[in-house]
Amino acid sequence: LILTNGETRITGAGAATQILNQNTNGQPAFMIHPKDKAKKKKSRIWRVQLDNFRISGNTNSGDGIVADGVNEIFVHGVSVDHHGGHGVNLIDCYEDPRIADCIITYNARAGLNITTSHDIVVNGNHFEENQDAVRCIDAFNLCMNGNNVDDHLRHGIVIENTYGSVL
């Protein structure tokens, strides 16, 4: 699935709404980015909300959700599991990304991977048996609290070159 428009909300009916990534070529299940992101690196879309559904992959699929250049992305109540890549991968989602009340489990890479973002909220999530629970790299102002970090295969939380954070 590819979403290229901002000001968009995609909502499901809980576990009854499941997106199943059956590809075996390392492709993500859900990609969110501006239409012209490939040509204009600084291109952005704003205010995308995902809530109340499940995204499942397999060992040969890529990331569950990849958001690139999405400001004010809000992922709430989403279950992301069993991907060959990251569960949720936020790339250059610079303004105010929020991940709340999600269950992110059994992904071959990080449950949540964040690069080049600021004013980040990661609150009330459950991370279990990913390679790493959360990776936050080259960012500012990570507020991460009330999460359950359980039984990861490598590191629980990795924070590098990230300033002004509260854990």
N, C-alpha and C. Protein backbone atom coordinates (compact mmCIF):
# COMPACT_ATOMS: atom_id res chain seq x y z
N LEU A 1 0.85 -1.18 0.00
CA LEU A 1 0.00 0.00 0.00
C LEU A 1 0.89 1.23 0.00
N ILE A 2 0.50 2.23 -0.77
CA ILE A 2 1.26 3.48 -0.83
C ILE A 2 0.30 4.64 -0.60
N LEU A 3 0.64 5.51 0.34
CA LEU A 3 -0.13 6.71 0.63
C LEU A 3 0.76 7.91 0.36
N THR A 4 0.29 8.84 -0.50
CA THR A 4 1.09 10.01 -0.84
C THR A 4 0.39 11.33 -0.52
N ASN A 5 -0.76 11.27 0.12
CA ASN A 5 -1.50 12.49 0.48
C ASN A 5 -1.47 12.72 1.98
N GLY A 6 -1.30 13.97 2.37
CA GLY A 6 -1.39 14.33 3.77
C GLY A 6 -2.84 14.58 4.16
N GLU A 7 -3.01 15.05 5.40
CA GLU A 7 -4.35 15.33 5.92
C GLU A 7 -5.25 14.10 5.74
N THR A 8 -4.72 12.92 6.10
CA THR A 8 -5.40 11.66 5.85
C THR A 8 -5.41 10.81 7.11
N ARG A 9 -6.52 10.13 7.34
CA ARG A 9 -6.63 9.18 8.43
C ARG A 9 -7.07 7.83 7.87
N ILE A 10 -6.34 6.78 8.24
CA ILE A 10 -6.72 5.42 7.88
C ILE A 10 -7.00 4.69 9.18
N THR A 11 -8.22 4.21 9.31
CA THR A 11 -8.63 3.57 10.55
C THR A 11 -9.25 2.22 10.25
N GLY A 12 -9.07 1.29 11.16
CA GLY A 12 -9.63 -0.05 11.00
C GLY A 12 -10.63 -0.36 12.09
N ALA A 13 -11.00 -1.61 12.16
CA ALA A 13 -11.94 -2.10 13.16
C ALA A 13 -11.23 -3.05 14.11
N GLY A 14 -10.03 -2.67 14.55
CA GLY A 14 -9.27 -3.49 15.48
C GLY A 14 -8.62 -4.67 14.79
N ALA A 15 -8.45 -5.76 15.54
CA ALA A 15 -7.76 -6.95 15.01
C ALA A 15 -8.50 -7.56 13.81
N ALA A 16 -9.77 -7.23 13.65
CA ALA A 16 -10.53 -7.73 12.50
C ALA A 16 -10.04 -7.12 11.19
N THR A 17 -9.31 -6.00 11.27
CA THR A 17 -8.75 -5.36 10.09
C THR A 17 -7.26 -5.69 10.04
N GLN A 18 -6.89 -6.58 9.12
CA GLN A 18 -5.50 -7.01 9.03
C GLN A 18 -4.98 -6.80 7.61
N ILE A 19 -3.82 -6.14 7.53
CA ILE A 19 -3.09 -6.01 6.28
C ILE A 19 -2.00 -7.06 6.34
N LEU A 20 -1.99 -7.96 5.40
CA LEU A 20 -1.04 -9.06 5.40
C LEU A 20 -0.04 -8.87 4.26
N ASN A 21 1.23 -8.68 4.62
CA ASN A 21 2.29 -8.50 3.64
C ASN A 21 2.84 -9.86 3.26
N GLN A 22 2.47 -10.36 2.08
CA GLN A 22 2.89 -11.68 1.66
C GLN A 22 4.08 -11.66 0.71
N ASN A 23 4.62 -10.49 0.38
CA ASN A 23 5.75 -10.46 -0.54
C ASN A 23 6.97 -11.10 0.10
N THR A 24 7.86 -11.60 -0.72
CA THR A 24 9.08 -12.22 -0.22
C THR A 24 10.33 -11.54 -0.78
N ASN A 25 10.16 -10.29 -1.26
CA ASN A 25 11.26 -9.54 -1.86
C ASN A 25 11.72 -8.37 -1.01
N GLY A 26 11.43 -8.39 0.28
CA GLY A 26 11.88 -7.33 1.17
C GLY A 26 11.12 -6.02 1.05
N GLN A 27 9.94 -6.04 0.48
CA GLN A 27 9.15 -4.82 0.31
C GLN A 27 8.29 -4.56 1.56
N PRO A 28 8.11 -3.28 1.91
CA PRO A 28 7.26 -2.96 3.07
C PRO A 28 5.78 -3.20 2.77
N ALA A 29 5.01 -3.33 3.82
CA ALA A 29 3.56 -3.48 3.67
C ALA A 29 2.90 -2.14 3.35
N PHE A 30 3.37 -1.07 4.01
CA PHE A 30 2.69 0.22 3.92
C PHE A 30 3.76 1.29 3.78
N MET A 31 3.71 2.08 2.70
CA MET A 31 4.66 3.17 2.48
C MET A 31 3.90 4.49 2.46
N ILE A 32 4.41 5.47 3.22
CA ILE A 32 3.78 6.79 3.28
C ILE A 32 4.87 7.81 2.96
N HIS A 33 4.66 8.60 1.93
CA HIS A 33 5.64 9.61 1.53
C HIS A 33 5.00 10.59 0.54
N PRO A 34 5.58 11.79 0.38
CA PRO A 34 5.08 12.71 -0.63
C PRO A 34 5.28 12.14 -2.03
N LYS A 35 4.40 12.51 -2.96
CA LYS A 35 4.51 12.01 -4.34
C LYS A 35 5.87 12.30 -4.96
N ASP A 36 6.42 13.47 -4.66
CA ASP A 36 7.66 13.90 -5.31
C ASP A 36 8.90 13.67 -4.43
N LYS A 37 8.81 12.81 -3.43
CA LYS A 37 9.93 12.58 -2.50
C LYS A 37 11.20 12.10 -3.22
N ALA A 38 11.05 11.28 -4.25
CA ALA A 38 12.23 10.77 -4.96
C ALA A 38 12.99 11.90 -5.66
N LYS A 39 12.28 12.93 -6.12
CA LYS A 39 12.90 14.04 -6.84
C LYS A 39 13.30 15.18 -5.91
N LYS A 40 12.50 15.39 -4.85
CA LYS A 40 12.74 16.50 -3.92
C LYS A 40 12.90 15.94 -2.51
N LYS A 41 14.13 15.81 -2.07
CA LYS A 41 14.42 15.20 -0.77
C LYS A 41 13.73 15.91 0.39
N LYS A 42 13.54 17.22 0.31
CA LYS A 42 12.93 18.00 1.40
C LYS A 42 11.40 18.06 1.31
N SER A 43 10.81 17.37 0.36
CA SER A 43 9.36 17.37 0.21
C SER A 43 8.70 16.75 1.45
N ARG A 44 7.52 17.26 1.82
CA ARG A 44 6.81 16.80 3.02
C ARG A 44 5.31 16.68 2.77
N ILE A 45 4.68 15.78 3.47
CA ILE A 45 3.24 15.81 3.65
C ILE A 45 2.99 15.92 5.15
N TRP A 46 1.80 16.37 5.52
CA TRP A 46 1.49 16.65 6.92
C TRP A 46 0.26 15.86 7.38
N ARG A 47 0.28 15.58 8.68
CA ARG A 47 -0.87 15.05 9.41
C ARG A 47 -1.49 13.80 8.80
N VAL A 48 -0.77 12.69 8.95
CA VAL A 48 -1.28 11.37 8.58
C VAL A 48 -1.50 10.60 9.88
N GLN A 49 -2.68 10.00 10.00
CA GLN A 49 -3.00 9.22 11.19
C GLN A 49 -3.37 7.80 10.78
N LEU A 50 -2.76 6.84 11.46
CA LEU A 50 -3.07 5.42 11.28
C LEU A 50 -3.56 4.89 12.61
N ASP A 51 -4.70 4.19 12.61
CA ASP A 51 -5.14 3.66 13.89
C ASP A 51 -6.04 2.44 13.75
N ASN A 52 -5.93 1.60 14.77
CA ASN A 52 -6.88 0.53 15.03
C ASN A 52 -6.90 -0.57 13.97
N PHE A 53 -5.71 -1.06 13.56
CA PHE A 53 -5.63 -2.21 12.67
C PHE A 53 -4.32 -2.95 12.89
N ARG A 54 -4.16 -4.07 12.19
CA ARG A 54 -2.97 -4.92 12.33
C ARG A 54 -2.27 -5.04 10.98
N ILE A 55 -0.93 -4.97 11.01
CA ILE A 55 -0.11 -5.21 9.82
C ILE A 55 0.83 -6.36 10.14
N SER A 56 0.73 -7.45 9.39
CA SER A 56 1.57 -8.63 9.62
C SER A 56 2.42 -8.91 8.38
N GLY A 57 3.64 -9.37 8.63
CA GLY A 57 4.53 -9.70 7.52
C GLY A 57 5.04 -11.11 7.64
N ASN A 58 6.20 -11.33 7.03
CA ASN A 58 6.86 -12.63 7.09
C ASN A 58 8.37 -12.39 7.11
N THR A 59 9.16 -13.42 7.29
CA THR A 59 10.60 -13.24 7.45
C THR A 59 11.27 -12.65 6.22
N ASN A 60 10.66 -12.74 5.05
CA ASN A 60 11.25 -12.20 3.83
C ASN A 60 10.62 -10.89 3.38
N SER A 61 9.64 -10.39 4.11
CA SER A 61 9.06 -9.09 3.77
C SER A 61 9.93 -7.99 4.36
N GLY A 62 9.66 -6.76 3.97
CA GLY A 62 10.42 -5.63 4.51
C GLY A 62 9.78 -5.08 5.75
N ASP A 63 9.84 -3.76 5.91
CA ASP A 63 9.26 -3.08 7.06
C ASP A 63 7.73 -3.19 7.04
N GLY A 64 7.13 -3.05 8.21
CA GLY A 64 5.67 -3.00 8.28
C GLY A 64 5.15 -1.68 7.74
N ILE A 65 5.59 -0.58 8.37
CA ILE A 65 5.21 0.77 7.95
C ILE A 65 6.49 1.55 7.73
N VAL A 66 6.61 2.19 6.55
CA VAL A 66 7.71 3.11 6.27
C VAL A 66 7.08 4.47 6.00
N ALA A 67 7.44 5.45 6.82
CA ALA A 67 7.00 6.83 6.59
C ALA A 67 8.25 7.66 6.33
N ASP A 68 8.29 8.36 5.22
CA ASP A 68 9.44 9.15 4.81
C ASP A 68 8.96 10.55 4.45
N GLY A 69 9.36 11.54 5.25
CA GLY A 69 8.95 12.91 4.98
C GLY A 69 7.51 13.19 5.36
N VAL A 70 7.05 12.60 6.47
CA VAL A 70 5.67 12.79 6.94
C VAL A 70 5.71 13.54 8.26
N ASN A 71 5.31 14.78 8.26
CA ASN A 71 5.28 15.57 9.49
C ASN A 71 3.96 15.34 10.22
N GLU A 72 4.04 15.30 11.53
CA GLU A 72 2.89 15.07 12.41
C GLU A 72 2.20 13.74 12.11
N ILE A 73 2.99 12.70 11.88
CA ILE A 73 2.41 11.35 11.74
C ILE A 73 1.99 10.88 13.13
N PHE A 74 0.84 10.23 13.19
CA PHE A 74 0.32 9.72 14.46
C PHE A 74 -0.13 8.28 14.23
N VAL A 75 0.57 7.34 14.86
CA VAL A 75 0.24 5.93 14.78
C VAL A 75 -0.29 5.52 16.14
N HIS A 76 -1.54 5.07 16.18
CA HIS A 76 -2.21 4.81 17.46
C HIS A 76 -2.98 3.50 17.39
N GLY A 77 -2.75 2.63 18.36
CA GLY A 77 -3.53 1.40 18.46
C GLY A 77 -3.31 0.45 17.29
N VAL A 78 -2.11 0.47 16.72
CA VAL A 78 -1.80 -0.40 15.58
C VAL A 78 -0.92 -1.56 16.07
N SER A 79 -1.18 -2.74 15.57
CA SER A 79 -0.37 -3.92 15.84
C SER A 79 0.50 -4.18 14.61
N VAL A 80 1.82 -4.26 14.82
CA VAL A 80 2.77 -4.48 13.72
C VAL A 80 3.65 -5.66 14.10
N ASP A 81 3.57 -6.75 13.32
CA ASP A 81 4.28 -7.96 13.75
C ASP A 81 4.83 -8.78 12.59
N HIS A 82 5.89 -9.53 12.91
CA HIS A 82 6.48 -10.57 12.07
C HIS A 82 7.03 -10.09 10.73
N HIS A 83 7.60 -8.90 10.68
CA HIS A 83 8.20 -8.41 9.43
C HIS A 83 9.68 -8.75 9.38
N GLY A 84 10.22 -8.87 8.17
CA GLY A 84 11.63 -9.13 7.98
C GLY A 84 12.48 -7.89 8.19
N GLY A 85 11.86 -6.71 8.24
CA GLY A 85 12.55 -5.45 8.50
C GLY A 85 12.10 -4.86 9.82
N HIS A 86 12.05 -3.52 9.87
CA HIS A 86 11.55 -2.83 11.06
C HIS A 86 10.03 -2.97 11.12
N GLY A 87 9.50 -2.88 12.32
CA GLY A 87 8.04 -2.82 12.44
C GLY A 87 7.53 -1.50 11.88
N VAL A 88 7.99 -0.39 12.48
CA VAL A 88 7.65 0.96 12.02
C VAL A 88 8.97 1.68 11.79
N ASN A 89 9.13 2.27 10.61
CA ASN A 89 10.36 2.94 10.22
C ASN A 89 10.02 4.39 9.85
N LEU A 90 10.39 5.33 10.72
CA LEU A 90 10.14 6.75 10.48
C LEU A 90 11.44 7.39 10.01
N ILE A 91 11.46 7.83 8.76
CA ILE A 91 12.63 8.44 8.14
C ILE A 91 12.33 9.90 7.87
N ASP A 92 13.08 10.79 8.48
CA ASP A 92 12.91 12.22 8.23
C ASP A 92 11.46 12.69 8.43
N CYS A 93 10.80 12.13 9.41
CA CYS A 93 9.46 12.59 9.80
C CYS A 93 9.70 13.66 10.86
N TYR A 94 10.19 14.79 10.41
CA TYR A 94 10.84 15.75 11.28
C TYR A 94 9.94 16.37 12.34
N GLU A 95 8.75 16.76 11.99
CA GLU A 95 7.88 17.47 12.93
C GLU A 95 6.95 16.52 13.68
N ASP A 96 7.17 16.38 14.97
CA ASP A 96 6.20 15.82 15.91
C ASP A 96 5.63 14.43 15.59
N PRO A 97 6.46 13.43 15.32
CA PRO A 97 5.90 12.09 15.15
C PRO A 97 5.44 11.53 16.49
N ARG A 98 4.32 10.79 16.49
CA ARG A 98 3.77 10.21 17.71
C ARG A 98 3.39 8.76 17.47
N ILE A 99 3.88 7.90 18.34
CA ILE A 99 3.55 6.47 18.31
C ILE A 99 2.99 6.15 19.69
N ALA A 100 1.72 5.75 19.75
CA ALA A 100 1.08 5.56 21.05
C ALA A 100 0.17 4.34 21.05
N ASP A 101 0.19 3.61 22.17
CA ASP A 101 -0.71 2.49 22.41
C ASP A 101 -0.67 1.43 21.31
N CYS A 102 0.51 1.15 20.78
CA CYS A 102 0.68 0.13 19.75
C CYS A 102 1.33 -1.12 20.35
N ILE A 103 1.17 -2.23 19.67
CA ILE A 103 1.89 -3.44 20.02
C ILE A 103 2.75 -3.80 18.82
N ILE A 104 4.07 -3.79 19.03
CA ILE A 104 5.04 -3.96 17.94
C ILE A 104 5.94 -5.13 18.32
N THR A 105 5.74 -6.28 17.65
CA THR A 105 6.35 -7.52 18.10
C THR A 105 6.91 -8.37 16.96
N TYR A 106 7.94 -9.16 17.28
CA TYR A 106 8.49 -10.21 16.43
C TYR A 106 8.97 -9.71 15.07
N ASN A 107 9.53 -8.51 15.00
CA ASN A 107 10.10 -7.98 13.76
C ASN A 107 11.60 -8.26 13.75
N ALA A 108 12.16 -8.56 12.58
CA ALA A 108 13.56 -8.98 12.48
C ALA A 108 14.54 -7.84 12.74
N ARG A 109 14.10 -6.60 12.60
CA ARG A 109 14.95 -5.46 12.92
C ARG A 109 14.31 -4.73 14.10
N ALA A 110 14.43 -3.43 14.18
CA ALA A 110 13.85 -2.69 15.32
C ALA A 110 12.33 -2.68 15.24
N GLY A 111 11.70 -2.72 16.40
CA GLY A 111 10.25 -2.54 16.43
C GLY A 111 9.90 -1.16 15.91
N LEU A 112 10.60 -0.14 16.42
CA LEU A 112 10.42 1.25 15.98
C LEU A 112 11.78 1.83 15.67
N ASN A 113 11.98 2.26 14.44
CA ASN A 113 13.22 2.88 14.00
C ASN A 113 12.93 4.33 13.62
N ILE A 114 13.63 5.27 14.26
CA ILE A 114 13.40 6.70 14.02
C ILE A 114 14.73 7.34 13.62
N THR A 115 14.74 8.03 12.49
CA THR A 115 15.93 8.79 12.10
C THR A 115 15.52 10.20 11.67
N THR A 116 16.32 11.15 12.09
CA THR A 116 16.17 12.56 11.71
C THR A 116 14.76 13.08 12.00
N SER A 117 14.41 13.14 13.26
CA SER A 117 13.11 13.65 13.69
C SER A 117 13.30 14.50 14.94
N HIS A 118 12.26 15.25 15.31
CA HIS A 118 12.32 15.96 16.59
C HIS A 118 10.94 16.11 17.19
N ASP A 119 10.92 16.38 18.50
CA ASP A 119 9.69 16.46 19.29
C ASP A 119 8.87 15.17 19.14
N ILE A 120 9.52 14.06 19.43
CA ILE A 120 9.00 12.71 19.22
C ILE A 120 8.32 12.22 20.49
N VAL A 121 7.13 11.63 20.35
CA VAL A 121 6.44 11.03 21.48
C VAL A 121 6.26 9.54 21.20
N VAL A 122 6.78 8.71 22.10
CA VAL A 122 6.62 7.25 22.04
C VAL A 122 6.06 6.87 23.41
N ASN A 123 4.77 6.56 23.47
CA ASN A 123 4.11 6.45 24.76
C ASN A 123 3.16 5.27 24.81
N GLY A 124 3.27 4.48 25.87
CA GLY A 124 2.29 3.43 26.17
C GLY A 124 2.26 2.29 25.17
N ASN A 125 3.40 1.96 24.57
CA ASN A 125 3.47 0.88 23.59
C ASN A 125 4.00 -0.40 24.23
N HIS A 126 3.78 -1.50 23.55
CA HIS A 126 4.34 -2.78 23.96
C HIS A 126 5.29 -3.25 22.87
N PHE A 127 6.56 -3.43 23.22
CA PHE A 127 7.59 -3.92 22.30
C PHE A 127 8.07 -5.27 22.81
N GLU A 128 7.99 -6.30 21.95
CA GLU A 128 8.45 -7.62 22.39
C GLU A 128 9.10 -8.38 21.25
N GLU A 129 10.25 -8.98 21.55
CA GLU A 129 10.99 -9.89 20.68
C GLU A 129 11.25 -9.37 19.27
N ASN A 130 11.54 -8.06 19.16
CA ASN A 130 12.12 -7.51 17.94
C ASN A 130 13.63 -7.66 18.09
N GLN A 131 14.41 -7.32 17.06
CA GLN A 131 15.86 -7.32 17.28
C GLN A 131 16.21 -6.27 18.32
N ASP A 132 15.76 -5.02 18.11
CA ASP A 132 15.84 -3.95 19.10
C ASP A 132 14.42 -3.46 19.30
N ALA A 133 14.11 -2.95 20.49
CA ALA A 133 12.77 -2.40 20.70
C ALA A 133 12.63 -1.08 19.93
N VAL A 134 13.48 -0.11 20.29
CA VAL A 134 13.41 1.23 19.69
C VAL A 134 14.81 1.68 19.34
N ARG A 135 14.98 2.25 18.16
CA ARG A 135 16.22 2.90 17.74
C ARG A 135 15.87 4.34 17.37
N CYS A 136 16.55 5.30 17.97
CA CYS A 136 16.33 6.71 17.67
C CYS A 136 17.70 7.32 17.37
N ILE A 137 17.91 7.73 16.12
CA ILE A 137 19.21 8.17 15.64
C ILE A 137 19.09 9.57 15.03
N ASP A 138 20.06 10.45 15.35
CA ASP A 138 20.12 11.81 14.77
C ASP A 138 18.82 12.57 14.95
N ALA A 139 18.37 12.68 16.18
CA ALA A 139 17.08 13.30 16.46
C ALA A 139 17.19 14.26 17.65
N PHE A 140 16.07 14.89 17.99
CA PHE A 140 15.99 15.81 19.11
C PHE A 140 14.70 15.56 19.88
N ASN A 141 14.76 15.73 21.19
CA ASN A 141 13.57 15.78 22.04
C ASN A 141 12.68 14.53 21.95
N LEU A 142 13.27 13.39 22.26
CA LEU A 142 12.50 12.16 22.36
C LEU A 142 11.87 12.10 23.74
N CYS A 143 10.55 11.96 23.80
CA CYS A 143 9.83 11.75 25.05
C CYS A 143 9.26 10.34 24.97
N MET A 144 9.88 9.43 25.72
CA MET A 144 9.50 8.02 25.66
C MET A 144 9.18 7.54 27.07
N ASN A 145 7.90 7.26 27.33
CA ASN A 145 7.55 6.79 28.66
C ASN A 145 6.36 5.85 28.62
N GLY A 146 6.25 5.07 29.69
CA GLY A 146 5.11 4.17 29.85
C GLY A 146 5.08 3.01 28.87
N ASN A 147 6.23 2.66 28.29
CA ASN A 147 6.30 1.55 27.34
C ASN A 147 6.73 0.27 28.03
N ASN A 148 6.30 -0.87 27.49
CA ASN A 148 6.77 -2.16 27.96
C ASN A 148 7.80 -2.66 26.95
N VAL A 149 9.02 -2.87 27.40
CA VAL A 149 10.11 -3.34 26.55
C VAL A 149 10.50 -4.72 27.06
N ASP A 150 10.20 -5.77 26.28
CA ASP A 150 10.30 -7.14 26.78
C ASP A 150 11.02 -8.06 25.80
N ASP A 151 12.06 -8.76 26.26
CA ASP A 151 12.69 -9.88 25.57
C ASP A 151 13.14 -9.62 24.13
N HIS A 152 14.01 -8.62 23.93
CA HIS A 152 14.49 -8.35 22.58
C HIS A 152 15.74 -9.15 22.27
N LEU A 153 15.99 -9.39 21.00
CA LEU A 153 17.07 -10.27 20.59
C LEU A 153 18.44 -9.60 20.63
N ARG A 154 18.48 -8.26 20.63
CA ARG A 154 19.76 -7.56 20.74
C ARG A 154 19.63 -6.49 21.82
N HIS A 155 19.27 -5.28 21.46
CA HIS A 155 19.19 -4.19 22.43
C HIS A 155 17.74 -3.83 22.71
N GLY A 156 17.50 -3.32 23.89
CA GLY A 156 16.18 -2.79 24.19
C GLY A 156 15.99 -1.46 23.50
N ILE A 157 16.71 -0.44 23.97
CA ILE A 157 16.57 0.91 23.42
C ILE A 157 17.94 1.42 22.99
N VAL A 158 18.04 1.92 21.76
CA VAL A 158 19.28 2.48 21.23
C VAL A 158 19.01 3.94 20.89
N ILE A 159 19.76 4.83 21.54
CA ILE A 159 19.63 6.26 21.26
C ILE A 159 21.02 6.78 20.93
N GLU A 160 21.18 7.30 19.71
CA GLU A 160 22.47 7.83 19.27
C GLU A 160 22.28 9.22 18.69
N ASN A 161 23.15 10.13 19.08
CA ASN A 161 23.13 11.48 18.55
C ASN A 161 21.74 12.10 18.64
N THR A 162 21.09 11.92 19.78
CA THR A 162 19.74 12.43 20.03
C THR A 162 19.80 13.26 21.31
N TYR A 163 19.37 14.49 21.24
CA TYR A 163 19.55 15.44 22.34
C TYR A 163 18.22 15.82 22.98
N GLY A 164 18.28 16.22 24.25
CA GLY A 164 17.12 16.77 24.96
C GLY A 164 16.01 15.77 25.15
N SER A 165 16.34 14.55 25.53
CA SER A 165 15.32 13.50 25.61
C SER A 165 14.94 13.16 27.05
N VAL A 166 13.74 12.62 27.20
CA VAL A 166 13.25 12.16 28.50
C VAL A 166 12.82 10.71 28.32
N LEU A 167 13.40 9.83 29.15
CA LEU A 167 13.02 8.42 29.13
C LEU A 167 12.52 8.01 30.48
